[in-house]
């Protein structure tokens, strides 16, 4: 009898211990009032249809996990014309369009300086840890605050904000003006660098990471398909006539050591940006940053934006229906799986708010569409502008009437026009009408029209949302669906059509339920949604709205 009592007490004690352990574990899983860290994963040139197309080959713990256990905004898109790298990242971070944040393209022409300026160019800055010219970057051209700026301002800069990107523009605009750091690839050395805008010297952990020479290791790899090539049934055959490839090489495997060799002891590290290993390199560095800077370890919400940009370069070279793009996407999905597991182990899913999206999509290869009887083509911008100049010379006399052309924008010589006493609006109207005659041009609108008319819907509203009076051209053209500019790549973007503007948007982790939002959501809604979660001020030029289904 006594033995039975002892056994009963023992069982009861074990049961109470197990219950207490379960309760303790349950307590750990309860989300805090605010997330300890916000992580943005932005994948360049990720078309909306990639997820469904490659679904069966995706890892269960990567993008599938985010969709299955998070909230999927299945009808997210951009509401402006120029969906380019850097532009999209600025729109995500600021919650507004290029007309307000000022990043109208990867570069633009400056009338007063008579100079073309890159979006992140800042001649007052220098590289920290790499080649001097590769570090002359800052967010000075971003004309408003980001959600992370407002977060830092709200708590006297106690929150830590970082970004990681192979290309400087996505990371710099994602992180904002007040970030603790933004890191990008030095194409000359293959190491991670920053600029004097952020710091005067690299942290020891960055030096230690760079000393591992992972870029050299990756460029000694052979890029072959993850699965047997015949399993890539969602894509065109590996060998087809539509791809540009690596100097004409368009079939697996790719010997990266050979392709990256400039001469005996010199390596072209920019090749890393055109392979899946560039995404791996980005993920490795981001993971090291999380632990080294102790992100998500206190009561002040931190921010990390990880920009995976290699897919855009691969897409431009091979097209969205290529085995190369499919393989790169599947490999990236596995990197995301590893990263999610790392974050869960170090910070905890319940403490982490994650959003995954893209900066823009991409058009199908026009020649492929044409061969399949779908209207499409390449717009020869150089030839068109050349004919425009000849026409202007015939009408107004010989002169340097066109100063520049960038991303479907024509910049006129305003000084010459003023000296000739020709009304600027007259010349703008003539140029717009002239450009409409070319195959592939759907619309041409003048700066004067955009400044004096308020468009509320349609393509002209989207063009107006991309127009900045200080940085945009005198005439902006919109190409027909399926048409892209001739730029030496297989395909491209910069349009408001669904293949460019519709992108995935997935929320996961802290206080995010399992659901699907099918109504229209704009990319500019991300920043005010995060601001609402954090109970802070919206970015100061924000035009988006919080996603109500997430914050209720």
Protein backbone atom coordinates (compact mmCIF):
# COMPACT_ATOMS: atom_id res chain seq x y z
CA UNK A 1 0.00 0.00 0.00
CA UNK A 2 2.85 2.34 0.95
CA UNK A 3 4.62 1.52 -2.31
CA UNK A 4 1.44 2.33 -4.23
CA UNK A 5 1.22 5.75 -2.50
CA UNK A 6 4.84 6.50 -3.32
CA UNK A 7 4.27 5.52 -6.94
CA UNK A 8 1.14 7.72 -7.10
CA UNK A 9 3.01 10.70 -5.64
CA UNK A 10 5.89 10.14 -8.06
CA UNK A 11 3.55 10.05 -11.05
CA UNK A 12 1.85 13.21 -9.80
CA UNK A 13 5.20 15.01 -9.41
CA UNK A 14 6.29 13.97 -12.89
CA UNK A 15 2.96 15.12 -14.30
CA UNK A 16 3.21 18.48 -12.55
CA UNK A 17 6.79 18.87 -13.81
CA UNK A 18 5.73 18.10 -17.38
CA UNK A 19 2.79 20.52 -17.14
CA UNK A 20 5.08 23.24 -15.81
CA UNK A 21 7.53 22.62 -18.65
CA UNK A 22 4.75 22.82 -21.22
CA UNK A 23 3.43 26.01 -19.64
CA UNK A 24 6.90 27.49 -19.57
CA UNK A 25 7.45 26.60 -23.21
CA UNK A 26 4.03 28.01 -24.06
CA UNK A 27 4.92 31.26 -22.34
CA UNK A 28 8.05 31.55 -24.45
CA UNK A 29 5.96 31.22 -27.58
CA UNK A 30 3.60 34.08 -26.72
CA UNK A 31 4.50 37.04 -28.96
CA UNK A 32 5.68 40.17 -27.16
CA UNK A 33 3.80 43.47 -27.44
CA UNK A 34 6.09 44.48 -30.31
CA UNK A 35 8.36 42.28 -32.44
CA UNK A 36 11.99 42.18 -31.35
CA UNK A 37 13.06 42.32 -34.97
CA UNK A 38 11.51 43.02 -38.34
CA UNK A 39 13.12 41.18 -41.24
CA UNK A 40 12.33 42.14 -44.81
CA UNK A 41 13.26 39.67 -47.54
CA UNK A 42 13.15 41.39 -50.93
CA UNK A 43 13.81 39.23 -53.99
CA UNK A 44 14.65 41.13 -57.16
CA UNK A 45 12.70 40.27 -60.31
CA UNK A 46 10.42 37.75 -58.63
CA UNK A 47 7.34 37.37 -60.80
CA UNK A 48 4.13 36.50 -59.02
CA UNK A 49 3.70 33.27 -60.99
CA UNK A 50 7.06 31.78 -59.95
CA UNK A 51 5.66 30.48 -56.66
CA UNK A 52 2.88 28.46 -58.26
CA UNK A 53 4.99 27.40 -61.22
CA UNK A 54 7.78 25.94 -59.07
CA UNK A 55 5.63 24.95 -56.08
CA UNK A 56 6.27 21.19 -56.28
CA UNK A 57 10.04 21.73 -56.17
CA UNK A 58 10.06 24.20 -53.27
CA UNK A 59 11.31 23.24 -49.82
CA UNK A 60 8.63 22.64 -47.17
CA UNK A 61 10.37 25.05 -44.81
CA UNK A 62 11.04 27.92 -47.21
CA UNK A 63 8.48 30.00 -49.09
CA UNK A 64 5.91 27.22 -48.65
CA UNK A 65 6.22 27.60 -44.87
CA UNK A 66 5.68 31.37 -45.11
CA UNK A 67 2.53 30.91 -47.19
CA UNK A 68 1.14 27.94 -45.25
CA UNK A 69 1.62 29.52 -41.82
CA UNK A 70 1.49 33.21 -42.65
CA UNK A 71 -0.68 35.70 -44.48
CA UNK A 72 -0.40 35.75 -48.26
CA UNK A 73 -1.43 38.94 -50.06
CA UNK A 74 -2.12 37.35 -53.42
CA UNK A 75 -3.01 40.53 -55.29
CA UNK A 76 -0.16 42.90 -54.42
CA UNK A 77 1.31 45.23 -57.02
CA UNK A 78 2.94 48.60 -57.79
CA UNK A 79 0.90 51.66 -58.75
CA UNK A 80 3.57 53.44 -60.79
CA UNK A 81 5.37 53.00 -64.11
CA UNK A 82 9.07 52.45 -63.45
CA UNK A 83 9.36 49.17 -61.55
CA UNK A 84 13.13 49.01 -61.34
CA UNK A 85 15.68 47.82 -58.79
CA UNK A 86 16.24 50.49 -56.17
CA UNK A 87 12.99 52.22 -57.11
CA UNK A 88 10.95 49.35 -55.71
CA UNK A 89 13.03 49.15 -52.54
CA UNK A 90 12.57 52.88 -51.95
CA UNK A 91 8.80 52.52 -52.40
CA UNK A 92 8.64 49.59 -49.96
CA UNK A 93 10.61 51.47 -47.29
CA UNK A 94 8.95 54.89 -47.63
CA UNK A 95 5.38 53.84 -48.34
CA UNK A 96 5.13 56.20 -51.27
CA UNK A 97 5.79 56.42 -55.01
CA UNK A 98 8.77 57.83 -56.97
CA UNK A 99 6.96 61.15 -57.41
CA UNK A 100 7.48 61.71 -53.68
CA UNK A 101 10.54 59.68 -52.70
CA UNK A 102 12.46 60.91 -55.75
CA UNK A 103 14.09 57.66 -56.88
CA UNK A 104 12.78 57.70 -60.46
CA UNK A 105 15.25 55.16 -61.83
CA UNK A 106 18.67 53.63 -61.37
CA UNK A 107 20.00 56.93 -62.78
CA UNK A 108 18.72 60.23 -64.16
CA UNK A 109 19.89 63.36 -65.94
CA UNK A 110 20.44 66.58 -63.99
CA UNK A 111 19.61 69.63 -66.08
CA UNK A 112 21.58 72.24 -64.14
CA UNK A 113 24.71 70.11 -63.74
CA UNK A 114 24.42 68.66 -67.27
CA UNK A 115 25.32 65.32 -65.77
CA UNK A 116 23.92 61.81 -65.37
CA UNK A 117 23.68 60.82 -61.72
CA UNK A 118 23.29 57.31 -60.32
CA UNK A 119 20.58 56.93 -57.71
CA UNK A 120 22.92 56.34 -54.75
CA UNK A 121 25.84 58.44 -56.00
CA UNK A 122 27.48 60.62 -53.34
CA UNK A 123 30.91 61.97 -54.26
CA UNK A 124 31.48 63.13 -50.70
CA UNK A 125 31.62 59.53 -49.47
CA UNK A 126 34.33 56.91 -49.81
CA UNK A 127 34.46 53.17 -49.51
CA UNK A 128 35.09 51.58 -46.15
CA UNK A 129 36.81 48.26 -46.66
CA UNK A 130 37.12 48.27 -50.45
CA UNK A 131 37.70 50.12 -53.70
CA UNK A 132 37.19 53.89 -53.28
CA UNK A 133 34.77 54.34 -56.18
CA UNK A 134 32.62 51.35 -55.19
CA UNK A 135 31.87 53.07 -51.91
CA UNK A 136 30.73 56.49 -53.09
CA UNK A 137 27.16 55.77 -52.10
CA UNK A 138 24.57 57.09 -49.66
CA UNK A 139 20.79 57.59 -49.39
CA UNK A 140 21.08 61.36 -49.90
CA UNK A 141 18.88 61.26 -53.02
CA UNK A 142 16.02 59.67 -51.10
CA UNK A 143 13.71 62.62 -50.47
CA UNK A 144 11.72 61.33 -47.48
CA UNK A 145 11.91 59.07 -44.44
CA UNK A 146 11.50 55.31 -44.30
CA UNK A 147 9.63 53.28 -41.67
CA UNK A 148 12.99 52.38 -40.09
CA UNK A 149 13.92 56.08 -39.91
CA UNK A 150 10.70 56.76 -38.04
CA UNK A 151 11.37 53.81 -35.75
CA UNK A 152 14.83 55.12 -34.86
CA UNK A 153 13.49 58.63 -34.32
CA UNK A 154 10.72 57.30 -32.06
CA UNK A 155 13.07 55.84 -29.45
CA UNK A 156 16.12 58.10 -29.63
CA UNK A 157 17.95 55.74 -31.99
CA UNK A 158 17.90 52.73 -29.66
CA UNK A 159 16.67 50.42 -32.44
CA UNK A 160 19.32 48.99 -34.74
CA UNK A 161 18.77 49.03 -38.51
CA UNK A 162 20.87 47.21 -41.12
CA UNK A 163 20.60 46.07 -44.71
CA UNK A 164 22.49 43.59 -46.88
CA UNK A 165 22.53 43.57 -50.69
CA UNK A 166 25.03 42.64 -53.40
CA UNK A 167 24.08 45.84 -55.22
CA UNK A 168 24.25 49.04 -53.14
CA UNK A 169 20.99 50.73 -54.21
CA UNK A 170 18.48 48.13 -52.89
CA UNK A 171 20.13 47.96 -49.49
CA UNK A 172 20.75 51.67 -49.11
CA UNK A 173 17.18 52.71 -49.90
CA UNK A 174 15.75 49.86 -47.83
CA UNK A 175 17.69 50.94 -44.74
CA UNK A 176 16.93 54.66 -44.98
CA UNK A 177 18.81 57.74 -43.79
CA UNK A 178 19.50 56.84 -40.17
CA UNK A 179 20.57 53.20 -40.50
CA UNK A 180 23.40 51.80 -38.43
CA UNK A 181 24.80 50.17 -41.52
CA UNK A 182 24.26 49.05 -45.12
CA UNK A 183 26.62 46.56 -46.72
CA UNK A 184 27.17 45.62 -50.36
CA UNK A 185 29.62 43.74 -52.58
CA UNK A 186 32.88 45.29 -53.72
CA UNK A 187 33.07 43.99 -57.29
CA UNK A 188 36.84 44.50 -57.34
CA UNK A 189 37.70 42.40 -54.26
CA UNK A 190 34.62 40.25 -53.68
CA UNK A 191 34.39 41.49 -50.08
CA UNK A 192 31.56 43.17 -48.19
CA UNK A 193 31.99 46.91 -47.86
CA UNK A 194 30.11 50.05 -46.84
CA UNK A 195 30.72 53.80 -47.12
CA UNK A 196 31.84 56.60 -44.84
CA UNK A 197 28.19 57.70 -44.66
CA UNK A 198 27.69 54.89 -42.13
CA UNK A 199 31.06 54.37 -40.44
CA UNK A 200 34.77 55.15 -40.66
CA UNK A 201 35.90 51.55 -40.26
CA UNK A 202 34.47 48.08 -40.70
CA UNK A 203 33.52 46.18 -37.53
CA UNK A 204 35.88 43.34 -36.61
CA UNK A 205 33.24 40.76 -37.44
CA UNK A 206 33.01 42.03 -41.05
CA UNK A 207 36.80 41.78 -41.40
CA UNK A 208 36.66 38.24 -40.02
CA UNK A 209 33.88 37.31 -42.42
CA UNK A 210 35.75 38.80 -45.39
CA UNK A 211 38.92 36.95 -44.38
CA UNK A 212 37.12 33.67 -45.08
CA UNK A 213 37.28 34.54 -48.81
CA UNK A 214 33.93 32.89 -49.48
CA UNK A 215 33.62 34.74 -52.80
CA UNK A 216 36.72 32.92 -54.08
CA UNK A 217 35.32 29.62 -52.84
CA UNK A 218 31.97 30.16 -54.57
CA UNK A 219 33.64 31.18 -57.83
CA UNK A 220 35.57 27.92 -57.86
CA UNK A 221 32.24 26.10 -57.96
CA UNK A 222 30.53 24.68 -60.99
CA UNK A 223 26.94 25.84 -61.38
CA UNK A 224 24.94 22.79 -62.35
CA UNK A 225 21.26 22.09 -61.91
CA UNK A 226 20.09 21.00 -58.47
CA UNK A 227 17.95 18.27 -60.07
CA UNK A 228 18.55 16.36 -63.31
CA UNK A 229 18.00 18.89 -66.09
CA UNK A 230 15.19 16.84 -67.64
CA UNK A 231 13.14 17.42 -64.48
CA UNK A 232 12.86 21.15 -65.20
CA UNK A 233 9.65 20.70 -67.13
CA UNK A 234 8.33 24.12 -66.07
CA UNK A 235 10.95 25.79 -68.28
CA UNK A 236 12.06 25.85 -71.90
CA UNK A 237 14.78 23.38 -72.94
CA UNK A 238 18.18 24.25 -71.48
CA UNK A 239 19.48 24.97 -74.96
CA UNK A 240 17.29 27.43 -76.83
CA UNK A 241 17.81 30.43 -79.08
CA UNK A 242 16.26 33.03 -76.82
CA UNK A 243 18.95 33.38 -74.17
CA UNK A 244 21.89 35.79 -73.99
CA UNK A 245 23.82 33.83 -71.38
CA UNK A 246 27.38 34.27 -70.15
CA UNK A 247 29.18 35.61 -73.21
CA UNK A 248 27.05 33.34 -75.37
CA UNK A 249 27.20 30.28 -73.08
CA UNK A 250 23.63 29.18 -72.42
CA UNK A 251 23.71 25.55 -71.22
CA UNK A 252 24.62 23.81 -67.97
CA UNK A 253 27.07 23.28 -66.40
CA UNK A 254 28.82 26.64 -65.98
CA UNK A 255 32.45 26.62 -64.88
CA UNK A 256 32.48 29.75 -62.71
CA UNK A 257 36.24 29.70 -62.20
CA UNK A 258 36.78 29.87 -65.93
CA UNK A 259 34.04 32.44 -66.53
CA UNK A 260 35.30 34.74 -63.77
CA UNK A 261 38.95 34.64 -64.76
CA UNK A 262 40.05 37.96 -66.31
CA UNK A 263 43.70 37.02 -66.43
CA UNK A 264 45.95 34.69 -64.47
CA UNK A 265 45.67 36.34 -61.04
CA UNK A 266 42.63 38.54 -61.55
CA UNK A 267 39.01 37.59 -60.86
CA UNK A 268 35.79 39.19 -62.02
CA UNK A 269 33.78 39.08 -58.80
CA UNK A 270 30.78 40.68 -60.48
CA UNK A 271 30.01 37.23 -61.89
CA UNK A 272 28.90 36.27 -58.39
CA UNK A 273 25.95 38.65 -58.84
CA UNK A 274 24.76 36.56 -61.79
CA UNK A 275 24.72 33.16 -60.06
CA UNK A 276 22.72 31.55 -57.22
CA UNK A 277 25.89 31.61 -55.10
CA UNK A 278 25.49 35.37 -54.86
CA UNK A 279 22.27 34.73 -52.93
CA UNK A 280 24.07 32.22 -50.72
CA UNK A 281 26.79 34.78 -50.04
CA UNK A 282 24.11 37.33 -49.09
CA UNK A 283 22.37 34.92 -46.73
CA UNK A 284 25.64 33.91 -45.06
CA UNK A 285 26.57 37.54 -44.41
CA UNK A 286 23.08 38.43 -43.15
CA UNK A 287 23.13 35.52 -40.69
CA UNK A 288 26.52 36.59 -39.37
CA UNK A 289 25.28 40.16 -39.01
CA UNK A 290 22.31 39.04 -36.88
CA UNK A 291 24.52 37.32 -34.31
CA UNK A 292 27.43 39.79 -34.42
CA UNK A 293 25.27 42.89 -33.94
CA UNK A 294 22.99 41.04 -31.49
CA UNK A 295 19.83 41.93 -33.35
CA UNK A 296 16.53 41.12 -31.68
CA UNK A 297 18.09 40.69 -28.25
CA UNK A 298 16.53 43.58 -26.32
CA UNK A 299 13.21 45.41 -25.97
CA UNK A 300 13.82 47.82 -28.84
CA UNK A 301 12.64 46.53 -32.22
CA UNK A 302 15.48 46.11 -34.70
CA UNK A 303 15.24 45.99 -38.50
CA UNK A 304 17.14 43.92 -41.05
CA UNK A 305 16.41 44.08 -44.78
CA UNK A 306 17.98 41.29 -46.85
CA UNK A 307 17.94 42.00 -50.59
CA UNK A 308 18.51 39.01 -52.86
CA UNK A 309 19.47 40.64 -56.17
CA UNK A 310 21.19 37.85 -58.11
CA UNK A 311 17.92 36.57 -59.59
CA UNK A 312 17.44 39.80 -61.54
CA UNK A 313 20.76 39.47 -63.33
CA UNK A 314 20.10 35.81 -64.08
CA UNK A 315 16.64 36.66 -65.39
CA UNK A 316 17.96 39.38 -67.69
CA UNK A 317 20.52 36.99 -69.18
CA UNK A 318 18.30 33.93 -69.59
CA UNK A 319 14.66 35.01 -69.38
CA UNK A 320 11.84 33.98 -67.02
CA UNK A 321 11.19 30.65 -68.76
CA UNK A 322 14.78 29.43 -68.50
CA UNK A 323 16.16 26.47 -66.56
CA UNK A 324 18.67 28.92 -65.07
CA UNK A 325 15.96 31.09 -63.50
CA UNK A 326 14.08 28.05 -62.21
CA UNK A 327 17.21 26.54 -60.68
CA UNK A 328 18.21 29.88 -59.12
CA UNK A 329 14.77 30.31 -57.59
CA UNK A 330 14.68 26.78 -56.18
CA UNK A 331 18.14 27.25 -54.71
CA UNK A 332 17.17 30.60 -53.21
CA UNK A 333 14.12 28.99 -51.63
CA UNK A 334 16.45 26.59 -49.82
CA UNK A 335 18.60 29.48 -48.63
CA UNK A 336 15.46 31.12 -47.25
CA UNK A 337 14.59 27.85 -45.51
CA UNK A 338 18.01 27.81 -43.82
CA UNK A 339 17.69 31.47 -42.86
CA UNK A 340 14.22 30.99 -41.34
CA UNK A 341 15.49 28.06 -39.26
CA UNK A 342 18.43 30.17 -38.09
CA UNK A 343 16.18 33.08 -37.08
CA UNK A 344 13.79 30.77 -35.24
CA UNK A 345 16.69 29.23 -33.30
CA UNK A 346 18.40 32.51 -32.41
CA UNK A 347 15.51 34.95 -31.95
CA UNK A 348 12.31 32.94 -32.20
CA UNK A 349 9.49 33.02 -34.70
CA UNK A 350 7.16 34.60 -32.14
CA UNK A 351 9.59 37.51 -31.72
CA UNK A 352 10.19 38.07 -35.42
CA UNK A 353 7.98 39.83 -37.97
CA UNK A 354 8.97 38.77 -41.49
CA UNK A 355 7.70 40.10 -44.78
CA UNK A 356 8.77 38.71 -48.15
CA UNK A 357 8.17 40.53 -51.41
CA UNK A 358 9.85 41.66 -54.63
CA UNK A 359 10.95 44.94 -56.18
CA UNK A 360 9.44 44.08 -59.60
CA UNK A 361 8.81 41.26 -62.05
CA UNK A 362 10.02 40.83 -65.63
CA UNK A 363 8.68 40.53 -69.16
CA UNK A 364 8.76 37.37 -71.21
CA UNK A 365 11.49 37.33 -73.86
CA UNK A 366 9.87 39.27 -76.74
CA UNK A 367 11.32 37.08 -79.48
CA UNK A 368 9.88 34.00 -77.77
CA UNK A 369 6.44 35.63 -77.63
CA UNK A 370 6.67 36.71 -81.28
CA UNK A 371 7.56 33.19 -82.39
CA UNK A 372 4.42 32.01 -80.62
CA UNK A 373 2.22 34.64 -82.34
CA UNK A 374 1.93 36.91 -79.29
CA UNK A 375 2.44 40.63 -80.04
CA UNK A 376 5.81 41.70 -78.59
CA UNK A 377 9.10 43.24 -79.61
CA UNK A 378 12.22 45.21 -78.77
CA UNK A 379 12.13 49.00 -78.74
CA UNK A 380 15.30 50.43 -80.30
CA UNK A 381 15.66 53.52 -78.15
CA UNK A 382 19.01 54.59 -79.64
CA UNK A 383 17.67 54.49 -83.19
CA UNK A 384 14.45 56.25 -82.23
CA UNK A 385 16.25 59.08 -80.44
CA UNK A 386 18.62 59.44 -83.38
CA UNK A 387 15.67 59.92 -85.74
CA UNK A 388 14.11 62.36 -83.28
CA UNK A 389 17.28 64.47 -83.26
CA UNK A 390 17.31 64.56 -87.07
CA UNK A 391 13.68 65.68 -87.11
CA UNK A 392 14.34 68.45 -84.57
CA UNK A 393 17.33 69.64 -86.59
CA UNK A 394 15.18 69.86 -89.71
CA UNK A 395 12.47 71.89 -88.00
CA UNK A 396 14.35 74.07 -85.50
CA UNK A 397 17.84 74.15 -86.98
CA UNK A 398 20.94 72.22 -86.06
CA UNK A 399 21.51 71.94 -82.35
CA UNK A 400 21.97 69.64 -79.41
CA UNK A 401 18.23 69.47 -78.73
CA UNK A 402 18.26 66.16 -76.81
CA UNK A 403 20.60 66.00 -73.86
CA UNK A 404 19.88 62.50 -72.60
CA UNK A 405 17.66 59.42 -72.67
CA UNK A 406 17.24 57.20 -69.61
CA UNK A 407 14.65 54.55 -68.82
CA UNK A 408 12.01 55.68 -71.32
CA UNK A 409 12.52 59.35 -70.51
CA UNK A 410 13.75 62.01 -72.93
CA UNK A 411 15.61 65.01 -71.48
CA UNK A 412 15.69 68.09 -73.71
CA UNK A 413 18.31 70.84 -73.81
CA UNK A 414 16.36 73.51 -71.93
CA UNK A 415 19.15 76.08 -72.14
CA UNK A 416 19.26 75.83 -75.94
CA UNK A 417 15.46 75.91 -76.14
CA UNK A 418 15.33 79.04 -73.98
CA UNK A 419 18.08 80.76 -76.02
CA UNK A 420 16.17 79.93 -79.23
CA UNK A 421 13.05 81.48 -77.70
CA UNK A 422 11.01 78.35 -78.39
CA UNK A 423 8.26 77.56 -75.88
CA UNK A 424 9.33 74.47 -73.95
CA UNK A 425 5.80 73.07 -74.11
CA UNK A 426 5.87 73.31 -77.91
CA UNK A 427 8.99 71.18 -78.13
CA UNK A 428 7.73 68.72 -75.54
CA UNK A 429 4.48 68.26 -77.47
CA UNK A 430 6.34 67.73 -80.73
CA UNK A 431 8.65 65.12 -79.18
CA UNK A 432 5.72 63.26 -77.60
CA UNK A 433 3.85 63.09 -80.91
CA UNK A 434 7.01 62.08 -82.77
CA UNK A 435 7.76 59.18 -80.39
CA UNK A 436 4.25 57.80 -80.77
CA UNK A 437 4.99 56.82 -84.37
CA UNK A 438 7.49 54.13 -83.37
CA UNK A 439 6.54 50.49 -83.07
CA UNK A 440 6.22 49.45 -79.47
CA UNK A 441 5.33 52.90 -78.07
CA UNK A 442 1.88 52.90 -76.47
CA UNK A 443 1.87 56.33 -74.82
CA UNK A 444 4.00 59.47 -74.66
CA UNK A 445 3.22 62.21 -72.18
CA UNK A 446 4.95 65.52 -71.54
CA UNK A 447 6.22 66.88 -68.25
CA UNK A 448 3.94 69.89 -68.70
CA UNK A 449 0.89 67.62 -68.89
CA UNK A 450 1.95 65.74 -65.77
CA UNK A 451 2.46 69.01 -63.89
CA UNK A 452 -0.87 70.54 -64.84
CA UNK A 453 -3.26 67.57 -64.89
CA UNK A 454 -4.32 65.34 -62.02
CA UNK A 455 -4.83 61.78 -63.27
CA UNK A 456 -6.81 59.53 -60.94
CA UNK A 457 -6.59 56.19 -62.73
CA UNK A 458 -5.17 54.35 -65.72
CA UNK A 459 -1.69 54.41 -67.19
CA UNK A 460 -1.33 58.19 -66.95
CA UNK A 461 -1.89 58.02 -63.19
CA UNK A 462 0.91 55.45 -62.96
CA UNK A 463 3.19 57.61 -65.09
CA UNK A 464 2.36 60.60 -62.87
CA UNK A 465 3.23 58.53 -59.78
CA UNK A 466 6.66 57.93 -61.33
CA UNK A 467 7.21 61.57 -62.26
CA UNK A 468 9.47 63.85 -60.22
CA UNK A 469 9.66 67.45 -61.39
CA UNK A 470 13.32 67.72 -60.34
CA UNK A 471 14.56 64.46 -61.86
CA UNK A 472 12.24 63.14 -64.56
CA UNK A 473 12.48 63.83 -68.29
CA UNK A 474 10.57 66.23 -70.51
CA UNK A 475 8.76 63.36 -72.20
CA UNK A 476 8.03 59.95 -70.71
CA UNK A 477 7.04 57.04 -72.93
CA UNK A 478 5.22 53.85 -72.05
CA UNK A 479 5.87 50.78 -74.19
CA UNK A 480 3.19 48.37 -75.31
CA UNK A 481 2.68 45.16 -73.35
CA UNK A 482 5.34 42.60 -74.23
CA UNK A 483 7.84 45.20 -75.45
CA UNK A 484 11.16 45.98 -73.77
CA UNK A 485 14.05 48.29 -74.52
CA UNK A 486 17.03 46.98 -76.46
CA UNK A 487 19.84 46.75 -73.90
CA UNK A 488 21.88 43.65 -74.72
CA UNK A 489 19.90 41.40 -72.36
CA UNK A 490 17.34 38.78 -73.29
CA UNK A 491 14.54 40.70 -71.61
CA UNK A 492 13.85 43.48 -69.13
CA UNK A 493 11.18 45.39 -67.28
CA UNK A 494 10.21 48.97 -66.42
CA UNK A 495 6.50 48.76 -67.08
CA UNK A 496 3.19 48.85 -65.24
CA UNK A 497 1.91 45.64 -66.80
CA UNK A 498 1.06 42.69 -64.57
CA UNK A 499 4.20 40.72 -65.43
CA UNK A 500 6.26 43.60 -64.02
CA UNK A 501 4.02 45.14 -61.38
CA UNK A 502 2.28 42.17 -59.73
CA UNK A 503 4.49 40.62 -57.07
CA UNK A 504 4.11 38.30 -54.05
CA UNK A 505 3.71 39.76 -50.56
CA UNK A 506 3.83 37.38 -47.60
CA UNK A 507 3.75 38.14 -43.86
CA UNK A 508 4.94 35.63 -41.26
CA UNK A 509 5.85 35.29 -37.59
CA UNK A 510 4.95 37.72 -34.80
CA UNK A 511 1.17 38.08 -34.39
CA UNK A 512 0.57 37.03 -38.02
CA UNK A 513 -2.28 34.61 -38.52
CA UNK A 514 -2.79 32.03 -41.26
CA UNK A 515 -4.87 33.66 -43.98
CA UNK A 516 -5.04 34.87 -47.55
CA UNK A 517 -5.88 38.41 -48.63
CA UNK A 518 -7.23 38.50 -52.17
CA UNK A 519 -8.15 42.18 -52.48
CA UNK A 520 -5.77 44.64 -54.12
CA UNK A 521 -2.82 45.63 -51.93
CA UNK A 522 -0.20 48.13 -52.96
CA UNK A 523 3.52 47.86 -52.31
CA UNK A 524 3.31 51.25 -50.57
CA UNK A 525 1.04 49.65 -47.93
CA UNK A 526 3.96 47.76 -46.35
CA UNK A 527 5.52 50.75 -44.55
CA UNK A 528 2.31 52.08 -42.92
CA UNK A 529 1.37 48.53 -41.87
CA UNK A 530 4.69 48.14 -40.07
CA UNK A 531 4.36 51.62 -38.57
CA UNK A 532 0.93 50.66 -37.22
CA UNK A 533 2.29 47.46 -35.71
CA UNK A 534 4.99 49.50 -33.94
CA UNK A 535 2.66 52.39 -33.02
CA UNK A 536 5.00 54.93 -34.61
CA UNK A 537 4.57 57.77 -37.11
CA UNK A 538 4.17 56.87 -40.77
CA UNK A 539 7.10 57.84 -43.05
CA UNK A 540 6.72 61.58 -43.73
CA UNK A 541 5.63 61.22 -47.39
CA UNK A 542 3.68 58.00 -46.96
CA UNK A 543 0.74 57.61 -49.36
CA UNK A 544 -0.05 53.95 -48.65
CA UNK A 545 -2.56 52.59 -46.15
CA UNK A 546 -2.21 49.90 -43.47
CA UNK A 547 -3.39 46.45 -44.46
CA UNK A 548 -6.46 46.34 -42.22
CA UNK A 549 -6.76 42.53 -42.18
CA UNK A 550 -3.32 42.29 -40.55
CA UNK A 551 -3.72 44.92 -37.83
CA UNK A 552 -7.28 44.20 -36.65
